[in-house]
Amino acid sequence: MPAVRKAAIRELAAAAYELDAKVVEGELYRDPQGGWWVGEVPLSDWLEVFSGQRVYLILASLEDERPLPSKVCRTCGTEYVGTGCPRCREARIRLRGPRSG
């Protein structure tokens, strides 16, 4: 089940990229001076861009082993695990038809 959680986190990150939100991925650690880093990115510098703004800050661990709870779709009643009902997603794709572009 952990693979589902990781996939959901990656979907969330992909959605954030599509919104032109800032996303950083890597190991979270503290340097000897007390500064927080994610991978090679110092969080203080990364967050400075948003100083004075109202923001959402979402942190999700890829090492979390808890299974995602199942949900029931409010539209079709299908029980599913993840960020969206797969049955309704398939129906939306089918009804929209192939994308031209």
PDB file of N, CA and C in Angstrom:
ATOM      1  N   MET A   1       0.800  -1.210   0.000  1.00  0.00           N
ATOM      2  CA  MET A   1       0.000   0.000   0.000  1.00  0.00           C
ATOM      3  C   MET A   1       0.844   1.276   0.000  1.00  0.00           C
ATOM      4  N   PRO A   2       2.073   1.275   0.539  1.00  0.00           N
ATOM      5  CA  PRO A   2       2.867   2.499   0.540  1.00  0.00           C
ATOM      6  C   PRO A   2       3.078   3.083  -0.853  1.00  0.00           C
ATOM      7  N   ALA A   3       3.102   2.247  -1.885  1.00  0.00           N
ATOM      8  CA  ALA A   3       3.278   2.759  -3.245  1.00  0.00           C
ATOM      9  C   ALA A   3       2.133   3.679  -3.629  1.00  0.00           C
ATOM     10  N   VAL A   4       0.928   3.396  -3.138  1.00  0.00           N
ATOM     11  CA  VAL A   4      -0.224   4.252  -3.421  1.00  0.00           C
ATOM     12  C   VAL A   4      -0.033   5.608  -2.772  1.00  0.00           C
ATOM     13  N   ARG A   5       0.448   5.625  -1.532  1.00  0.00           N
ATOM     14  CA  ARG A   5       0.698   6.896  -0.838  1.00  0.00           C
ATOM     15  C   ARG A   5       1.745   7.713  -1.597  1.00  0.00           C
ATOM     16  N   LYS A   6       2.821   7.076  -2.019  1.00  0.00           N
ATOM     17  CA  LYS A   6       3.862   7.785  -2.767  1.00  0.00           C
ATOM     18  C   LYS A   6       3.311   8.330  -4.075  1.00  0.00           C
ATOM     19  N   ALA A   7       2.491   7.550  -4.750  1.00  0.00           N
ATOM     20  CA  ALA A   7       1.896   8.006  -6.010  1.00  0.00           C
ATOM     21  C   ALA A   7       0.982   9.199  -5.770  1.00  0.00           C
ATOM     22  N   ALA A   8       0.228   9.181  -4.680  1.00  0.00           N
ATOM     23  CA  ALA A   8      -0.663  10.297  -4.362  1.00  0.00           C
ATOM     24  C   ALA A   8       0.139  11.561  -4.057  1.00  0.00           C
ATOM     25  N   ILE A   9       1.262  11.407  -3.357  1.00  0.00           N
ATOM     26  CA  ILE A   9       2.117  12.557  -3.055  1.00  0.00           C
ATOM     27  C   ILE A   9       2.703  13.126  -4.346  1.00  0.00           C
ATOM     28  N   ARG A  10       3.126  12.255  -5.231  1.00  0.00           N
ATOM     29  CA  ARG A  10       3.675  12.721  -6.515  1.00  0.00           C
ATOM     30  C   ARG A  10       2.598  13.402  -7.361  1.00  0.00           C
ATOM     31  N   GLU A  11       1.356  12.904  -7.298  1.00  0.00           N
ATOM     32  CA  GLU A  11       0.245  13.562  -7.993  1.00  0.00           C
ATOM     33  C   GLU A  11       0.027  14.959  -7.441  1.00  0.00           C
ATOM     34  N   LEU A  12       0.093  15.094  -6.122  1.00  0.00           N
ATOM     35  CA  LEU A  12      -0.058  16.397  -5.481  1.00  0.00           C
ATOM     36  C   LEU A  12       1.045  17.351  -5.936  1.00  0.00           C
ATOM     37  N   ALA A  13       2.275  16.859  -5.991  1.00  0.00           N
ATOM     38  CA  ALA A  13       3.395  17.685  -6.453  1.00  0.00           C
ATOM     39  C   ALA A  13       3.208  18.083  -7.912  1.00  0.00           C
ATOM     40  N   ALA A  14       2.743  17.158  -8.744  1.00  0.00           N
ATOM     41  CA  ALA A  14       2.512  17.466 -10.159  1.00  0.00           C
ATOM     42  C   ALA A  14       1.434  18.529 -10.307  1.00  0.00           C
ATOM     43  N   ALA A  15       0.380  18.430  -9.501  1.00  0.00           N
ATOM     44  CA  ALA A  15      -0.678  19.444  -9.545  1.00  0.00           C
ATOM     45  C   ALA A  15      -0.130  20.804  -9.122  1.00  0.00           C
ATOM     46  N   ALA A  16       0.756  20.817  -8.136  1.00  0.00           N
ATOM     47  CA  ALA A  16       1.366  22.073  -7.694  1.00  0.00           C
ATOM     48  C   ALA A  16       2.204  22.688  -8.805  1.00  0.00           C
ATOM     49  N   TYR A  17       2.989  21.864  -9.514  1.00  0.00           N
ATOM     50  CA  TYR A  17       3.775  22.362 -10.652  1.00  0.00           C
ATOM     51  C   TYR A  17       2.866  22.998 -11.697  1.00  0.00           C
ATOM     52  N   GLU A  18       1.722  22.358 -11.972  1.00  0.00           N
ATOM     53  CA  GLU A  18       0.787  22.877 -12.972  1.00  0.00           C
ATOM     54  C   GLU A  18       0.229  24.234 -12.570  1.00  0.00           C
ATOM     55  N   LEU A  19       0.173  24.503 -11.272  1.00  0.00           N
ATOM     56  CA  LEU A  19      -0.307  25.793 -10.775  1.00  0.00           C
ATOM     57  C   LEU A  19       0.818  26.814 -10.646  1.00  0.00           C
ATOM     58  N   ASP A  20       2.002  26.466 -11.151  1.00  0.00           N
ATOM     59  CA  ASP A  20       3.195  27.299 -11.019  1.00  0.00           C
ATOM     60  C   ASP A  20       3.565  27.544  -9.560  1.00  0.00           C
ATOM     61  N   ALA A  21       3.230  26.585  -8.694  1.00  0.00           N
ATOM     62  CA  ALA A  21       3.618  26.671  -7.290  1.00  0.00           C
ATOM     63  C   ALA A  21       5.066  26.207  -7.152  1.00  0.00           C
ATOM     64  N   LYS A  22       5.682  26.587  -6.077  1.00  0.00           N
ATOM     65  CA  LYS A  22       7.055  26.163  -5.807  1.00  0.00           C
ATOM     66  C   LYS A  22       7.031  24.796  -5.128  1.00  0.00           C
ATOM     67  N   VAL A  23       7.807  23.889  -5.645  1.00  0.00           N
ATOM     68  CA  VAL A  23       7.890  22.526  -5.113  1.00  0.00           C
ATOM     69  C   VAL A  23       9.359  22.169  -4.971  1.00  0.00           C
ATOM     70  N   VAL A  24       9.713  21.584  -3.847  1.00  0.00           N
ATOM     71  CA  VAL A  24      11.081  21.123  -3.639  1.00  0.00           C
ATOM     72  C   VAL A  24      11.009  19.697  -3.095  1.00  0.00           C
ATOM     73  N   GLU A  25      11.910  18.849  -3.578  1.00  0.00           N
ATOM     74  CA  GLU A  25      11.929  17.455  -3.149  1.00  0.00           C
ATOM     75  C   GLU A  25      13.343  17.073  -2.759  1.00  0.00           C
ATOM     76  N   GLY A  26      13.467  16.286  -1.734  1.00  0.00           N
ATOM     77  CA  GLY A  26      14.767  15.806  -1.294  1.00  0.00           C
ATOM     78  C   GLY A  26      14.720  15.435   0.173  1.00  0.00           C
ATOM     79  N   GLU A  27      15.876  15.077   0.705  1.00  0.00           N
ATOM     80  CA  GLU A  27      15.962  14.715   2.117  1.00  0.00           C
ATOM     81  C   GLU A  27      15.988  15.980   2.964  1.00  0.00           C
ATOM     82  N   LEU A  28      15.166  16.029   3.996  1.00  0.00           N
ATOM     83  CA  LEU A  28      15.115  17.154   4.922  1.00  0.00           C
ATOM     84  C   LEU A  28      16.165  16.943   6.007  1.00  0.00           C
ATOM     85  N   TYR A  29      17.026  17.952   6.190  1.00  0.00           N
ATOM     86  CA  TYR A  29      18.038  17.850   7.244  1.00  0.00           C
ATOM     87  C   TYR A  29      18.414  19.233   7.742  1.00  0.00           C
ATOM     88  N   ARG A  30      19.090  19.234   8.882  1.00  0.00           N
ATOM     89  CA  ARG A  30      19.551  20.473   9.494  1.00  0.00           C
ATOM     90  C   ARG A  30      21.062  20.538   9.408  1.00  0.00           C
ATOM     91  N   ASP A  31      21.591  21.687   8.977  1.00  0.00           N
ATOM     92  CA  ASP A  31      23.046  21.833   8.900  1.00  0.00           C
ATOM     93  C   ASP A  31      23.609  22.164  10.293  1.00  0.00           C
ATOM     94  N   PRO A  32      24.940  22.148  10.442  1.00  0.00           N
ATOM     95  CA  PRO A  32      25.546  22.411  11.763  1.00  0.00           C
ATOM     96  C   PRO A  32      25.204  23.786  12.345  1.00  0.00           C
ATOM     97  N   GLN A  33      24.884  24.752  11.498  1.00  0.00           N
ATOM     98  CA  GLN A  33      24.517  26.083  11.979  1.00  0.00           C
ATOM     99  C   GLN A  33      23.035  26.175  12.350  1.00  0.00           C
ATOM    100  N   GLY A  34      22.277  25.107  12.131  1.00  0.00           N
ATOM    101  CA  GLY A  34      20.862  25.099  12.507  1.00  0.00           C
ATOM    102  C   GLY A  34      19.906  25.399  11.371  1.00  0.00           C
ATOM    103  N   GLY A  35      20.424  25.621  10.170  1.00  0.00           N
ATOM    104  CA  GLY A  35      19.549  25.905   9.030  1.00  0.00           C
ATOM    105  C   GLY A  35      18.938  24.633   8.457  1.00  0.00           C
ATOM    106  N   TRP A  36      17.711  24.735   7.991  1.00  0.00           N
ATOM    107  CA  TRP A  36      17.018  23.595   7.391  1.00  0.00           C
ATOM    108  C   TRP A  36      17.247  23.557   5.896  1.00  0.00           C
ATOM    109  N   TRP A  37      17.477  22.364   5.371  1.00  0.00           N
ATOM    110  CA  TRP A  37      17.713  22.141   3.951  1.00  0.00           C
ATOM    111  C   TRP A  37      16.829  21.006   3.455  1.00  0.00           C
ATOM    112  N   VAL A  38      16.445  21.078   2.191  1.00  0.00           N
ATOM    113  CA  VAL A  38      15.824  19.948   1.492  1.00  0.00           C
ATOM    114  C   VAL A  38      16.724  19.676   0.296  1.00  0.00           C
ATOM    115  N   GLY A  39      17.420  18.548   0.350  1.00  0.00           N
ATOM    116  CA  GLY A  39      18.410  18.261  -0.691  1.00  0.00           C
ATOM    117  C   GLY A  39      19.482  19.329  -0.666  1.00  0.00           C
ATOM    118  N   GLU A  40      19.680  20.003  -1.795  1.00  0.00           N
ATOM    119  CA  GLU A  40      20.687  21.067  -1.904  1.00  0.00           C
ATOM    120  C   GLU A  40      20.084  22.466  -1.754  1.00  0.00           C
ATOM    121  N   VAL A  41      18.824  22.541  -1.345  1.00  0.00           N
ATOM    122  CA  VAL A  41      18.108  23.819  -1.280  1.00  0.00           C
ATOM    123  C   VAL A  41      17.971  24.276   0.173  1.00  0.00           C
ATOM    124  N   PRO A  42      18.535  25.460   0.505  1.00  0.00           N
ATOM    125  CA  PRO A  42      18.336  25.995   1.851  1.00  0.00           C
ATOM    126  C   PRO A  42      16.903  26.530   1.980  1.00  0.00           C
ATOM    127  N   LEU A  43      16.147  26.005   2.937  1.00  0.00           N
ATOM    128  CA  LEU A  43      14.741  26.394   3.056  1.00  0.00           C
ATOM    129  C   LEU A  43      14.554  27.871   3.362  1.00  0.00           C
ATOM    130  N   SER A  44      15.464  28.475   4.126  1.00  0.00           N
ATOM    131  CA  SER A  44      15.306  29.900   4.435  1.00  0.00           C
ATOM    132  C   SER A  44      15.326  30.735   3.160  1.00  0.00           C
ATOM    133  N   ASP A  45      16.224  30.430   2.232  1.00  0.00           N
ATOM    134  CA  ASP A  45      16.266  31.159   0.957  1.00  0.00           C
ATOM    135  C   ASP A  45      15.027  30.862   0.122  1.00  0.00           C
ATOM    136  N   TRP A  46      14.619  29.606   0.108  1.00  0.00           N
ATOM    137  CA  TRP A  46      13.469  29.173  -0.685  1.00  0.00           C
ATOM    138  C   TRP A  46      12.191  29.842  -0.185  1.00  0.00           C
ATOM    139  N   LEU A  47      12.049  29.955   1.160  1.00  0.00           N
ATOM    140  CA  LEU A  47      10.855  30.560   1.745  1.00  0.00           C
ATOM    141  C   LEU A  47      10.879  32.084   1.690  1.00  0.00           C
ATOM    142  N   GLU A  48      12.064  32.675   1.606  1.00  0.00           N
ATOM    143  CA  GLU A  48      12.195  34.137   1.582  1.00  0.00           C
ATOM    144  C   GLU A  48      11.372  34.760   0.454  1.00  0.00           C
ATOM    145  N   VAL A  49      11.249  34.054  -0.652  1.00  0.00           N
ATOM    146  CA  VAL A  49      10.479  34.538  -1.809  1.00  0.00           C
ATOM    147  C   VAL A  49       9.035  34.840  -1.410  1.00  0.00           C
ATOM    148  N   PHE A  50       8.521  34.140  -0.408  1.00  0.00           N
ATOM    149  CA  PHE A  50       7.122  34.266  -0.019  1.00  0.00           C
ATOM    150  C   PHE A  50       6.921  35.106   1.237  1.00  0.00           C
ATOM    151  N   SER A  51       7.967  35.761   1.707  1.00  0.00           N
ATOM    152  CA  SER A  51       7.881  36.564   2.919  1.00  0.00           C
ATOM    153  C   SER A  51       6.753  37.587   2.802  1.00  0.00           C
ATOM    154  N   GLY A  52       5.897  37.636   3.818  1.00  0.00           N
ATOM    155  CA  GLY A  52       4.797  38.590   3.840  1.00  0.00           C
ATOM    156  C   GLY A  52       3.556  38.143   3.088  1.00  0.00           C
ATOM    157  N   GLN A  53       3.600  36.981   2.451  1.00  0.00           N
ATOM    158  CA  GLN A  53       2.446  36.476   1.700  1.00  0.00           C
ATOM    159  C   GLN A  53       1.730  35.399   2.504  1.00  0.00           C
ATOM    160  N   ARG A  54       0.454  35.252   2.239  1.00  0.00           N
ATOM    161  CA  ARG A  54      -0.317  34.156   2.838  1.00  0.00           C
ATOM    162  C   ARG A  54      -0.098  32.925   1.968  1.00  0.00           C
ATOM    163  N   VAL A  55       0.346  31.807   2.561  1.00  0.00           N
ATOM    164  CA  VAL A  55       0.719  30.618   1.795  1.00  0.00           C
ATOM    165  C   VAL A  55       0.160  29.347   2.434  1.00  0.00           C
ATOM    166  N   TYR A  56       0.156  28.284   1.657  1.00  0.00           N
ATOM    167  CA  TYR A  56      -0.023  26.922   2.161  1.00  0.00           C
ATOM    168  C   TYR A  56       1.348  26.268   2.109  1.00  0.00           C
ATOM    169  N   LEU A  57       1.729  25.608   3.162  1.00  0.00           N
ATOM    170  CA  LEU A  57       2.976  24.845   3.166  1.00  0.00           C
ATOM    171  C   LEU A  57       2.599  23.403   3.461  1.00  0.00           C
ATOM    172  N   ILE A  58       2.831  22.523   2.504  1.00  0.00           N
ATOM    173  CA  ILE A  58       2.465  21.115   2.637  1.00  0.00           C
ATOM    174  C   ILE A  58       3.742  20.291   2.633  1.00  0.00           C
ATOM    175  N   LEU A  59       3.943  19.505   3.663  1.00  0.00           N
ATOM    176  CA  LEU A  59       5.082  18.590   3.733  1.00  0.00           C
ATOM    177  C   LEU A  59       4.537  17.172   3.799  1.00  0.00           C
ATOM    178  N   ALA A  60       5.073  16.300   2.988  1.00  0.00           N
ATOM    179  CA  ALA A  60       4.637  14.903   2.991  1.00  0.00           C
ATOM    180  C   ALA A  60       5.866  14.011   2.909  1.00  0.00           C
ATOM    181  N   SER A  61       5.927  13.033   3.782  1.00  0.00           N
ATOM    182  CA  SER A  61       7.063  12.116   3.800  1.00  0.00           C
ATOM    183  C   SER A  61       6.836  10.957   2.847  1.00  0.00           C
ATOM    184  N   LEU A  62       7.821  10.697   1.994  1.00  0.00           N
ATOM    185  CA  LEU A  62       7.751   9.538   1.110  1.00  0.00           C
ATOM    186  C   LEU A  62       8.095   8.258   1.861  1.00  0.00           C
ATOM    187  N   GLU A  63       8.511   8.386   3.110  1.00  0.00           N
ATOM    188  CA  GLU A  63       8.853   7.214   3.916  1.00  0.00           C
ATOM    189  C   GLU A  63       7.712   6.775   4.823  1.00  0.00           C
ATOM    190  N   ASP A  64       6.584   7.469   4.767  1.00  0.00           N
ATOM    191  CA  ASP A  64       5.414   7.116   5.568  1.00  0.00           C
ATOM    192  C   ASP A  64       4.835   5.805   5.053  1.00  0.00           C
ATOM    193  N   GLU A  65       4.751   4.810   5.895  1.00  0.00           N
ATOM    194  CA  GLU A  65       4.312   3.473   5.480  1.00  0.00           C
ATOM    195  C   GLU A  65       2.824   3.221   5.721  1.00  0.00           C
ATOM    196  N   ARG A  66       2.108   4.197   6.279  1.00  0.00           N
ATOM    197  CA  ARG A  66       0.684   3.979   6.542  1.00  0.00           C
ATOM    198  C   ARG A  66      -0.086   3.853   5.237  1.00  0.00           C
ATOM    199  N   PRO A  67      -1.040   2.939   5.172  1.00  0.00           N
ATOM    200  CA  PRO A  67      -1.865   2.833   3.963  1.00  0.00           C
ATOM    201  C   PRO A  67      -2.837   4.008   3.885  1.00  0.00           C
ATOM    202  N   LEU A  68      -3.187   4.404   2.677  1.00  0.00           N
ATOM    203  CA  LEU A  68      -4.197   5.438   2.502  1.00  0.00           C
ATOM    204  C   LEU A  68      -5.565   4.845   2.811  1.00  0.00           C
ATOM    205  N   PRO A  69      -6.429   5.612   3.460  1.00  0.00           N
ATOM    206  CA  PRO A  69      -7.774   5.097   3.719  1.00  0.00           C
ATOM    207  C   PRO A  69      -8.587   5.078   2.425  1.00  0.00           C
ATOM    208  N   SER A  70      -9.507   4.136   2.327  1.00  0.00           N
ATOM    209  CA  SER A  70     -10.368   4.109   1.145  1.00  0.00           C
ATOM    210  C   SER A  70     -11.466   5.156   1.316  1.00  0.00           C
ATOM    211  N   LYS A  71     -11.991   5.631   0.200  1.00  0.00           N
ATOM    212  CA  LYS A  71     -13.045   6.645   0.176  1.00  0.00           C
ATOM    213  C   LYS A  71     -14.177   6.126  -0.693  1.00  0.00           C
ATOM    214  N   VAL A  72     -15.346   6.746  -0.554  1.00  0.00           N
ATOM    215  CA  VAL A  72     -16.479   6.422  -1.410  1.00  0.00           C
ATOM    216  C   VAL A  72     -16.788   7.662  -2.238  1.00  0.00           C
ATOM    217  N   CYS A  73     -16.826   7.498  -3.555  1.00  0.00           N
ATOM    218  CA  CYS A  73     -17.099   8.611  -4.463  1.00  0.00           C
ATOM    219  C   CYS A  73     -18.512   9.129  -4.226  1.00  0.00           C
ATOM    220  N   ARG A  74     -18.654  10.433  -4.067  1.00  0.00           N
ATOM    221  CA  ARG A  74     -19.966  11.046  -3.851  1.00  0.00           C
ATOM    222  C   ARG A  74     -20.804  11.064  -5.117  1.00  0.00           C
ATOM    223  N   THR A  75     -20.170  10.890  -6.261  1.00  0.00           N
ATOM    224  CA  THR A  75     -20.890  10.918  -7.529  1.00  0.00           C
ATOM    225  C   THR A  75     -21.435   9.548  -7.907  1.00  0.00           C
ATOM    226  N   CYS A  76     -20.565   8.529  -7.903  1.00  0.00           N
ATOM    227  CA  CYS A  76     -20.979   7.211  -8.408  1.00  0.00           C
ATOM    228  C   CYS A  76     -21.033   6.122  -7.343  1.00  0.00           C
ATOM    229  N   GLY A  77     -20.522   6.394  -6.143  1.00  0.00           N
ATOM    230  CA  GLY A  77     -20.576   5.415  -5.071  1.00  0.00           C
ATOM    231  C   GLY A  77     -19.460   4.392  -5.068  1.00  0.00           C
ATOM    232  N   THR A  78     -18.512   4.513  -5.995  1.00  0.00           N
ATOM    233  CA  THR A  78     -17.400   3.571  -6.059  1.00  0.00           C
ATOM    234  C   THR A  78     -16.441   3.791  -4.890  1.00  0.00           C
ATOM    235  N   GLU A  79     -15.996   2.711  -4.273  1.00  0.00           N
ATOM    236  CA  GLU A  79     -14.977   2.800  -3.233  1.00  0.00           C
ATOM    237  C   GLU A  79     -13.613   2.782  -3.914  1.00  0.00           C
ATOM    238  N   TYR A  80     -12.716   3.699  -3.518  1.00  0.00           N
ATOM    239  CA  TYR A  80     -11.405   3.802  -4.157  1.00  0.00           C
ATOM    240  C   TYR A  80     -10.368   4.267  -3.160  1.00  0.00           C
ATOM    241  N   VAL A  81      -9.113   4.115  -3.525  1.00  0.00           N
ATOM    242  CA  VAL A  81      -7.984   4.611  -2.737  1.00  0.00           C
ATOM    243  C   VAL A  81      -7.198   5.538  -3.646  1.00  0.00           C
ATOM    244  N   GLY A  82      -6.854   6.715  -3.152  1.00  0.00           N
ATOM    245  CA  GLY A  82      -6.094   7.672  -3.955  1.00  0.00           C
ATOM    246  C   GLY A  82      -6.729   9.043  -3.914  1.00  0.00           C
ATOM    247  N   THR A  83      -6.373   9.863  -4.899  1.00  0.00           N
ATOM    248  CA  THR A  83      -6.829  11.248  -4.887  1.00  0.00           C
ATOM    249  C   THR A  83      -8.117  11.486  -5.652  1.00  0.00           C
ATOM    250  N   GLY A  84      -8.540  10.562  -6.473  1.00  0.00           N
ATOM    251  CA  GLY A  84      -9.765  10.755  -7.240  1.00  0.00           C
ATOM    252  C   GLY A  84     -10.359   9.434  -7.674  1.00  0.00           C
ATOM    253  N   CYS A  85     -11.647   9.428  -7.886  1.00  0.00           N
ATOM    254  CA  CYS A  85     -12.349   8.213  -8.283  1.00  0.00           C
ATOM    255  C   CYS A  85     -11.913   7.793  -9.688  1.00  0.00           C
ATOM    256  N   PRO A  86     -11.352   6.595  -9.834  1.00  0.00           N
ATOM    257  CA  PRO A  86     -10.898   6.157 -11.155  1.00  0.00           C
ATOM    258  C   PRO A  86     -12.050   5.932 -12.131  1.00  0.00           C
ATOM    259  N   ARG A  87     -13.201   5.512 -11.623  1.00  0.00           N
ATOM    260  CA  ARG A  87     -14.360   5.282 -12.503  1.00  0.00           C
ATOM    261  C   ARG A  87     -14.856   6.601 -13.099  1.00  0.00           C
ATOM    262  N   CYS A  88     -14.976   7.624 -12.285  1.00  0.00           N
ATOM    263  CA  CYS A  88     -15.417   8.933 -12.782  1.00  0.00           C
ATOM    264  C   CYS A  88     -14.359   9.557 -13.693  1.00  0.00           C
ATOM    265  N   ARG A  89     -13.079   9.360 -13.373  1.00  0.00           N
ATOM    266  CA  ARG A  89     -12.004   9.882 -14.219  1.00  0.00           C
ATOM    267  C   ARG A  89     -12.078   9.254 -15.607  1.00  0.00           C
ATOM    268  N   GLU A  90     -12.272   7.937 -15.661  1.00  0.00           N
ATOM    269  CA  GLU A  90     -12.403   7.254 -16.956  1.00  0.00           C
ATOM    270  C   GLU A  90     -13.612   7.765 -17.728  1.00  0.00           C
ATOM    271  N   ALA A  91     -14.724   7.999 -17.034  1.00  0.00           N
ATOM    272  CA  ALA A  91     -15.930   8.514 -17.696  1.00  0.00           C
ATOM    273  C   ALA A  91     -15.682   9.914 -18.251  1.00  0.00           C
ATOM    274  N   ARG A  92     -15.003  10.762 -17.479  1.00  0.00           N
ATOM    275  CA  ARG A  92     -14.703  12.119 -17.975  1.00  0.00           C
ATOM    276  C   ARG A  92     -13.845  12.061 -19.227  1.00  0.00           C
ATOM    277  N   ILE A  93     -12.837  11.208 -19.224  1.00  0.00           N
ATOM    278  CA  ILE A  93     -11.958  11.073 -20.395  1.00  0.00           C
ATOM    279  C   ILE A  93     -12.751  10.563 -21.586  1.00  0.00           C
ATOM    280  N   ARG A  94     -13.586   9.564 -21.347  1.00  0.00           N
ATOM    281  CA  ARG A  94     -14.381   8.984 -22.427  1.00  0.00           C
ATOM    282  C   ARG A  94     -15.348  10.021 -23.018  1.00  0.00           C
ATOM    283  N   LEU A  95     -15.994  10.821 -22.171  1.00  0.00           N
ATOM    284  CA  LEU A  95     -16.968  11.807 -22.642  1.00  0.00           C
ATOM    285  C   LEU A  95     -16.313  12.992 -23.346  1.00  0.00           C
ATOM    286  N   ARG A  96     -15.110  13.350 -22.947  1.00  0.00           N
ATOM    287  CA  ARG A  96     -14.400  14.457 -23.601  1.00  0.00           C
ATOM    288  C   ARG A  96     -13.885  14.066 -24.971  1.00  0.00           C
ATOM    289  N   GLY A  97     -13.636  12.790 -25.160  1.00  0.00           N
ATOM    290  CA  GLY A  97     -13.088  12.331 -26.435  1.00  0.00           C
ATOM    291  C   GLY A  97     -11.602  12.604 -26.504  1.00  0.00           C
ATOM    292  N   PRO A  98     -10.991  12.197 -27.623  1.00  0.00           N
ATOM    293  CA  PRO A  98      -9.544  12.428 -27.776  1.00  0.00           C
ATOM    294  C   PRO A  98      -9.256  13.920 -27.862  1.00  0.00           C
ATOM    295  N   ARG A  99      -8.173  14.308 -27.243  1.00  0.00           N
ATOM    296  CA  ARG A  99      -7.775  15.727 -27.282  1.00  0.00           C
ATOM    297  C   ARG A  99      -7.036  16.015 -28.574  1.00  0.00           C
ATOM    298  N   SER A 100      -7.354  17.141 -29.161  1.00  0.00           N
ATOM    299  CA  SER A 100      -6.612  17.568 -30.354  1.00  0.00           C
ATOM    300  C   SER A 100      -5.624  18.621 -29.916  1.00  0.00           C
ATOM    301  N   GLY A 101      -4.529  18.696 -30.614  1.00  0.00           N
ATOM    302  CA  GLY A 101      -3.659  19.715 -30.125  1.00  0.00           C
ATOM    303  C   GLY A 101      -2.369  19.758 -30.727  1.00  0.00           C
TER     304      GLY A 101
END
